[in-house]
């Protein structure tokens, strides 16, 4: 019985796994590998895979893809663009994290109370003897 329905069960299982798969905190390379394998097992064509991929990406990547012209873009080109963006985001994250570790300041910005153009203020002290 399994041999007769094995392919249908395999496709159904792949679809269910694909629906449950989101990028969330996974690196794009790992996510893409899992996503593509499941899409192939589910019998998806490249155009369909591309549309689902766009929906399943992390919010951070979707935000960065807003300005990409998707006219006549195929799956391979889209994946290369996303990989480039994901790599840049990872590098920026590492730089940001290393600055945070070095300074303890998560925002990587100067203290909001200090102004680089302001002069230091001094408290006036009186040296006059008490009367």
N, C-alpha and C. Protein backbone atom coordinates (compact mmCIF):
# COMPACT_ATOMS: atom_id res chain seq x y z
N UNK A 1 0.83 -1.20 0.00
CA UNK A 1 0.00 0.00 0.00
C UNK A 1 0.87 1.26 0.00
N UNK A 2 1.95 1.23 0.78
CA UNK A 2 2.82 2.39 0.84
C UNK A 2 3.46 2.69 -0.51
N UNK A 3 3.82 1.65 -1.26
CA UNK A 3 4.42 1.86 -2.57
C UNK A 3 3.45 2.52 -3.53
N UNK A 4 2.20 2.13 -3.46
CA UNK A 4 1.20 2.70 -4.35
C UNK A 4 0.93 4.17 -4.02
N UNK A 5 0.98 4.51 -2.74
CA UNK A 5 0.65 5.87 -2.32
C UNK A 5 1.87 6.63 -1.79
N UNK A 6 3.03 6.04 -1.86
CA UNK A 6 4.25 6.65 -1.31
C UNK A 6 4.51 8.04 -1.84
N UNK A 7 4.37 8.22 -3.15
CA UNK A 7 4.64 9.52 -3.75
C UNK A 7 3.65 10.57 -3.25
N UNK A 8 2.36 10.20 -3.19
CA UNK A 8 1.33 11.13 -2.71
C UNK A 8 1.58 11.50 -1.25
N UNK A 9 1.93 10.51 -0.42
CA UNK A 9 2.21 10.79 0.98
C UNK A 9 3.45 11.68 1.11
N UNK A 10 4.45 11.41 0.30
CA UNK A 10 5.67 12.19 0.34
C UNK A 10 5.40 13.65 -0.03
N UNK A 11 4.60 13.87 -1.07
CA UNK A 11 4.25 15.23 -1.46
C UNK A 11 3.44 15.93 -0.38
N UNK A 12 2.49 15.20 0.19
CA UNK A 12 1.67 15.78 1.25
C UNK A 12 2.49 16.14 2.47
N UNK A 13 3.39 15.26 2.84
CA UNK A 13 4.27 15.52 3.98
C UNK A 13 5.16 16.73 3.69
N UNK A 14 5.69 16.81 2.48
CA UNK A 14 6.53 17.94 2.09
C UNK A 14 5.75 19.25 2.17
N UNK A 15 4.49 19.24 1.69
CA UNK A 15 3.66 20.45 1.76
C UNK A 15 3.42 20.87 3.21
N UNK A 16 3.08 19.91 4.05
CA UNK A 16 2.83 20.24 5.46
C UNK A 16 4.09 20.80 6.13
N UNK A 17 5.22 20.20 5.82
CA UNK A 17 6.48 20.68 6.38
C UNK A 17 6.82 22.07 5.84
N UNK A 18 6.53 22.29 4.57
CA UNK A 18 6.80 23.59 3.95
C UNK A 18 5.94 24.68 4.58
N UNK A 19 4.69 24.37 4.79
CA UNK A 19 3.76 25.34 5.39
C UNK A 19 4.22 25.71 6.81
N UNK A 20 4.79 24.77 7.51
CA UNK A 20 5.25 25.01 8.89
C UNK A 20 6.61 25.69 8.94
N UNK A 21 7.31 25.76 7.81
CA UNK A 21 8.67 26.30 7.78
C UNK A 21 8.65 27.80 7.52
N UNK A 22 9.24 28.55 8.41
CA UNK A 22 9.45 29.98 8.22
C UNK A 22 10.90 30.27 8.54
N UNK A 23 11.41 31.37 7.99
CA UNK A 23 12.82 31.67 8.20
C UNK A 23 13.10 32.06 9.65
N UNK A 24 12.26 32.85 10.21
CA UNK A 24 12.43 33.39 11.58
C UNK A 24 13.89 33.77 11.82
N UNK A 25 14.58 33.08 12.73
CA UNK A 25 15.95 33.46 13.08
C UNK A 25 17.02 32.64 12.36
N UNK A 26 16.61 31.81 11.42
CA UNK A 26 17.58 30.99 10.69
C UNK A 26 18.34 31.87 9.70
N UNK A 27 19.60 31.50 9.47
CA UNK A 27 20.35 32.16 8.42
C UNK A 27 19.69 31.80 7.09
N UNK A 28 19.74 32.71 6.13
CA UNK A 28 19.06 32.47 4.86
C UNK A 28 19.56 31.22 4.17
N UNK A 29 20.87 30.99 4.19
CA UNK A 29 21.44 29.83 3.50
C UNK A 29 20.82 28.53 4.03
N UNK A 30 20.69 28.41 5.34
CA UNK A 30 20.10 27.21 5.95
C UNK A 30 18.61 27.12 5.61
N UNK A 31 17.91 28.24 5.73
CA UNK A 31 16.48 28.27 5.42
C UNK A 31 16.24 27.89 3.96
N UNK A 32 17.02 28.47 3.03
CA UNK A 32 16.84 28.21 1.62
C UNK A 32 17.06 26.74 1.30
N UNK A 33 18.05 26.14 1.91
CA UNK A 33 18.33 24.72 1.67
C UNK A 33 17.13 23.86 2.07
N UNK A 34 16.60 24.11 3.25
CA UNK A 34 15.43 23.34 3.72
C UNK A 34 14.21 23.63 2.85
N UNK A 35 13.99 24.90 2.57
CA UNK A 35 12.83 25.32 1.78
C UNK A 35 12.84 24.69 0.39
N UNK A 36 13.99 24.76 -0.28
CA UNK A 36 14.09 24.25 -1.64
C UNK A 36 13.89 22.74 -1.70
N UNK A 37 14.47 22.02 -0.76
CA UNK A 37 14.29 20.57 -0.72
C UNK A 37 12.81 20.21 -0.56
N UNK A 38 12.13 20.90 0.34
CA UNK A 38 10.70 20.62 0.55
C UNK A 38 9.88 21.01 -0.67
N UNK A 39 10.22 22.13 -1.30
CA UNK A 39 9.49 22.58 -2.50
C UNK A 39 9.64 21.55 -3.62
N UNK A 40 10.83 21.01 -3.77
CA UNK A 40 11.06 19.98 -4.79
C UNK A 40 10.26 18.72 -4.48
N UNK A 41 10.28 18.28 -3.23
CA UNK A 41 9.52 17.09 -2.84
C UNK A 41 8.02 17.30 -3.02
N UNK A 42 7.57 18.55 -2.82
CA UNK A 42 6.14 18.86 -2.97
C UNK A 42 5.75 19.01 -4.44
N UNK A 43 6.74 18.99 -5.32
CA UNK A 43 6.45 19.08 -6.76
C UNK A 43 6.21 20.49 -7.26
N UNK A 44 6.74 21.49 -6.58
CA UNK A 44 6.52 22.87 -6.98
C UNK A 44 7.42 23.25 -8.16
N UNK A 45 6.87 24.02 -9.07
CA UNK A 45 7.64 24.60 -10.17
C UNK A 45 8.39 25.82 -9.64
N UNK A 46 9.38 26.29 -10.39
CA UNK A 46 10.18 27.43 -9.94
C UNK A 46 9.35 28.68 -9.68
N UNK A 47 8.40 28.98 -10.55
CA UNK A 47 7.58 30.19 -10.37
C UNK A 47 6.78 30.12 -9.07
N UNK A 48 6.23 28.97 -8.77
CA UNK A 48 5.48 28.78 -7.53
C UNK A 48 6.43 28.84 -6.33
N UNK A 49 7.59 28.22 -6.45
CA UNK A 49 8.58 28.25 -5.38
C UNK A 49 8.98 29.69 -5.07
N UNK A 50 9.16 30.50 -6.10
CA UNK A 50 9.53 31.91 -5.93
C UNK A 50 8.46 32.66 -5.14
N UNK A 51 7.21 32.47 -5.50
CA UNK A 51 6.13 33.18 -4.81
C UNK A 51 6.03 32.77 -3.34
N UNK A 52 6.14 31.48 -3.07
CA UNK A 52 6.11 31.02 -1.68
C UNK A 52 7.33 31.52 -0.91
N UNK A 53 8.48 31.51 -1.54
CA UNK A 53 9.71 31.96 -0.89
C UNK A 53 9.57 33.41 -0.43
N UNK A 54 9.03 34.25 -1.28
CA UNK A 54 8.85 35.66 -0.92
C UNK A 54 8.01 35.80 0.35
N UNK A 55 6.99 34.97 0.48
CA UNK A 55 6.11 35.04 1.64
C UNK A 55 6.74 34.48 2.91
N UNK A 56 7.64 33.52 2.77
CA UNK A 56 8.18 32.81 3.93
C UNK A 56 9.48 33.43 4.46
N UNK A 57 10.00 34.46 3.82
CA UNK A 57 11.23 35.10 4.28
C UNK A 57 11.00 35.84 5.59
N UNK A 58 12.08 36.10 6.29
CA UNK A 58 11.99 36.87 7.53
C UNK A 58 11.53 38.29 7.21
N UNK A 59 10.93 38.93 8.18
CA UNK A 59 10.46 40.31 8.01
C UNK A 59 11.62 41.23 7.67
N UNK A 60 12.76 40.99 8.29
CA UNK A 60 13.94 41.82 8.03
C UNK A 60 14.35 41.76 6.56
N UNK A 61 14.36 40.57 5.99
CA UNK A 61 14.71 40.45 4.56
C UNK A 61 13.62 41.03 3.68
N UNK A 62 12.36 40.80 4.02
CA UNK A 62 11.26 41.37 3.23
C UNK A 62 11.38 42.89 3.18
N UNK A 63 11.73 43.50 4.32
CA UNK A 63 11.88 44.95 4.37
C UNK A 63 12.96 45.43 3.41
N UNK A 64 14.05 44.68 3.31
CA UNK A 64 15.16 45.07 2.45
C UNK A 64 14.86 44.83 0.96
N UNK A 65 13.90 43.99 0.68
CA UNK A 65 13.56 43.65 -0.71
C UNK A 65 12.52 44.56 -1.33
N UNK A 66 12.04 45.52 -0.58
CA UNK A 66 10.96 46.39 -1.06
C UNK A 66 11.31 47.08 -2.37
N UNK A 67 12.53 47.52 -2.52
CA UNK A 67 12.92 48.29 -3.71
C UNK A 67 13.45 47.45 -4.86
N UNK A 68 13.43 46.15 -4.74
CA UNK A 68 13.93 45.30 -5.82
C UNK A 68 12.87 45.16 -6.91
N UNK A 69 13.28 45.45 -8.13
CA UNK A 69 12.39 45.29 -9.28
C UNK A 69 12.24 43.81 -9.58
N UNK A 70 11.03 43.31 -9.46
CA UNK A 70 10.79 41.88 -9.65
C UNK A 70 10.28 41.55 -11.04
N UNK A 71 10.35 42.50 -11.96
CA UNK A 71 9.90 42.27 -13.32
C UNK A 71 10.80 41.23 -13.97
N UNK A 72 10.19 40.20 -14.48
CA UNK A 72 10.92 39.12 -15.18
C UNK A 72 12.08 38.55 -14.37
N UNK A 73 11.91 38.43 -13.08
CA UNK A 73 12.97 37.85 -12.25
C UNK A 73 12.68 36.37 -12.07
N UNK A 74 13.71 35.57 -12.17
CA UNK A 74 13.50 34.14 -11.98
C UNK A 74 14.01 33.74 -10.60
N UNK A 75 13.76 32.52 -10.23
CA UNK A 75 14.08 32.01 -8.90
C UNK A 75 15.57 32.12 -8.60
N UNK A 76 16.42 31.71 -9.52
CA UNK A 76 17.87 31.72 -9.27
C UNK A 76 18.39 33.14 -9.03
N UNK A 77 17.95 34.09 -9.81
CA UNK A 77 18.38 35.48 -9.65
C UNK A 77 17.88 36.04 -8.33
N UNK A 78 16.63 35.76 -8.01
CA UNK A 78 16.05 36.25 -6.75
C UNK A 78 16.82 35.69 -5.56
N UNK A 79 17.12 34.41 -5.58
CA UNK A 79 17.84 33.78 -4.47
C UNK A 79 19.23 34.40 -4.32
N UNK A 80 19.90 34.68 -5.42
CA UNK A 80 21.22 35.32 -5.36
C UNK A 80 21.13 36.70 -4.72
N UNK A 81 20.11 37.46 -5.11
CA UNK A 81 19.92 38.80 -4.53
C UNK A 81 19.64 38.71 -3.04
N UNK A 82 18.77 37.80 -2.67
CA UNK A 82 18.43 37.64 -1.25
C UNK A 82 19.67 37.19 -0.47
N UNK A 83 20.45 36.30 -1.03
CA UNK A 83 21.66 35.82 -0.35
C UNK A 83 22.64 36.98 -0.12
N UNK A 84 22.80 37.84 -1.12
CA UNK A 84 23.69 39.00 -0.97
C UNK A 84 23.21 39.92 0.16
N UNK A 85 21.91 40.18 0.17
CA UNK A 85 21.35 41.04 1.20
C UNK A 85 21.48 40.39 2.57
N UNK A 86 21.19 39.10 2.65
CA UNK A 86 21.28 38.39 3.93
C UNK A 86 22.72 38.40 4.46
N UNK A 87 23.69 38.24 3.58
CA UNK A 87 25.09 38.27 3.99
C UNK A 87 25.46 39.64 4.53
N UNK A 88 25.01 40.69 3.85
CA UNK A 88 25.28 42.05 4.33
C UNK A 88 24.64 42.29 5.69
N UNK A 89 23.42 41.83 5.87
CA UNK A 89 22.76 41.98 7.16
C UNK A 89 23.50 41.25 8.27
N UNK A 90 24.01 40.07 7.96
CA UNK A 90 24.78 39.30 8.96
C UNK A 90 26.06 40.04 9.34
N UNK A 91 26.74 40.63 8.35
CA UNK A 91 27.96 41.39 8.62
C UNK A 91 27.63 42.60 9.49
N UNK A 92 26.56 43.32 9.13
CA UNK A 92 26.17 44.48 9.92
C UNK A 92 25.81 44.08 11.35
N UNK A 93 25.16 42.97 11.49
CA UNK A 93 24.78 42.49 12.82
C UNK A 93 26.03 42.16 13.65
N UNK A 94 27.02 41.53 13.03
CA UNK A 94 28.26 41.21 13.73
C UNK A 94 28.99 42.47 14.15
N UNK A 95 29.03 43.47 13.27
CA UNK A 95 29.68 44.74 13.60
C UNK A 95 28.95 45.40 14.75
N UNK A 96 27.63 45.43 14.66
CA UNK A 96 26.83 46.03 15.72
C UNK A 96 27.04 45.32 17.05
N UNK A 97 27.05 43.99 17.01
CA UNK A 97 27.25 43.21 18.24
C UNK A 97 28.64 43.44 18.81
N UNK A 98 29.65 43.54 17.96
CA UNK A 98 31.00 43.75 18.48
C UNK A 98 31.13 45.15 19.08
N UNK A 99 30.45 46.13 18.50
CA UNK A 99 30.46 47.48 19.10
C UNK A 99 29.75 47.46 20.45
N UNK A 100 28.65 46.74 20.52
CA UNK A 100 27.92 46.66 21.77
C UNK A 100 28.79 46.01 22.85
N UNK A 101 29.47 44.93 22.50
CA UNK A 101 30.33 44.27 23.47
C UNK A 101 31.48 45.16 23.90
N UNK A 102 31.99 45.96 22.98
CA UNK A 102 33.12 46.83 23.30
C UNK A 102 32.70 48.02 24.14
N UNK A 103 31.52 48.57 23.86
CA UNK A 103 31.09 49.79 24.54
C UNK A 103 30.01 49.58 25.57
N UNK A 104 29.26 48.50 25.43
CA UNK A 104 28.12 48.30 26.32
C UNK A 104 26.93 49.15 25.93
N UNK A 105 27.03 49.87 24.83
CA UNK A 105 25.97 50.75 24.36
C UNK A 105 25.30 50.12 23.15
N UNK A 106 24.10 49.58 23.32
CA UNK A 106 23.43 48.84 22.26
C UNK A 106 23.12 49.72 21.06
N UNK A 107 22.83 50.97 21.27
CA UNK A 107 22.43 51.83 20.15
C UNK A 107 23.61 52.25 19.28
N UNK A 108 24.83 52.05 19.78
CA UNK A 108 26.03 52.47 19.05
C UNK A 108 26.03 53.96 18.75
N UNK A 109 25.27 54.68 19.52
CA UNK A 109 25.20 56.12 19.37
C UNK A 109 25.80 56.77 20.60
N UNK A 110 26.30 57.99 20.45
CA UNK A 110 26.79 58.68 21.64
C UNK A 110 25.66 58.84 22.64
N UNK A 111 26.00 58.97 23.89
CA UNK A 111 25.01 59.16 24.93
C UNK A 111 24.12 60.33 24.57
N UNK A 112 22.81 60.15 24.68
CA UNK A 112 21.88 61.19 24.27
C UNK A 112 22.01 62.44 25.12
N UNK A 113 22.57 62.33 26.32
CA UNK A 113 22.75 63.50 27.18
C UNK A 113 23.98 64.31 26.79
N UNK A 114 24.86 63.72 26.02
CA UNK A 114 26.06 64.45 25.62
C UNK A 114 25.91 64.92 24.19
N UNK A 115 26.55 66.03 23.92
CA UNK A 115 26.51 66.58 22.58
C UNK A 115 27.96 66.83 22.18
N UNK A 116 28.35 66.29 21.04
CA UNK A 116 29.75 66.42 20.62
C UNK A 116 30.17 67.87 20.47
N UNK A 117 29.23 68.77 20.17
CA UNK A 117 29.56 70.19 19.96
C UNK A 117 29.44 71.02 21.23
N UNK A 118 28.93 70.43 22.28
CA UNK A 118 28.74 71.23 23.50
C UNK A 118 30.03 71.28 24.29
N UNK A 119 30.16 72.36 25.03
CA UNK A 119 31.32 72.53 25.89
C UNK A 119 31.01 71.90 27.24
N UNK A 120 32.04 71.42 27.92
CA UNK A 120 31.78 70.85 29.24
C UNK A 120 31.30 71.93 30.20
N UNK A 121 30.44 71.53 31.10
CA UNK A 121 29.95 72.48 32.10
C UNK A 121 30.68 72.23 33.41
N UNK A 122 30.93 73.33 34.11
CA UNK A 122 31.62 73.23 35.39
C UNK A 122 30.74 73.81 36.46
N UNK A 123 30.76 73.20 37.62
CA UNK A 123 30.02 73.72 38.75
C UNK A 123 30.81 74.86 39.36
N UNK A 124 30.13 75.93 39.62
CA UNK A 124 30.80 77.06 40.28
C UNK A 124 30.99 76.70 41.75
N UNK A 125 32.16 76.90 42.21
CA UNK A 125 32.43 76.66 43.63
C UNK A 125 32.90 77.95 44.25
N UNK A 126 32.53 78.14 45.43
CA UNK A 126 32.93 79.36 46.14
C UNK A 126 34.12 79.04 47.04
N UNK A 127 35.13 79.85 46.95
CA UNK A 127 36.27 79.65 47.83
C UNK A 127 36.27 80.66 48.97
N UNK A 128 35.19 81.43 49.05
CA UNK A 128 35.11 82.44 50.12
C UNK A 128 34.87 81.77 51.44
N UNK A 129 35.50 82.27 52.50
CA UNK A 129 35.31 81.68 53.80
C UNK A 129 33.90 81.88 54.30
N UNK A 130 33.44 80.95 55.06
CA UNK A 130 32.09 81.07 55.64
C UNK A 130 32.09 82.19 56.66
N UNK A 131 31.01 82.91 56.70
CA UNK A 131 30.91 84.04 57.61
C UNK A 131 30.22 83.66 58.88
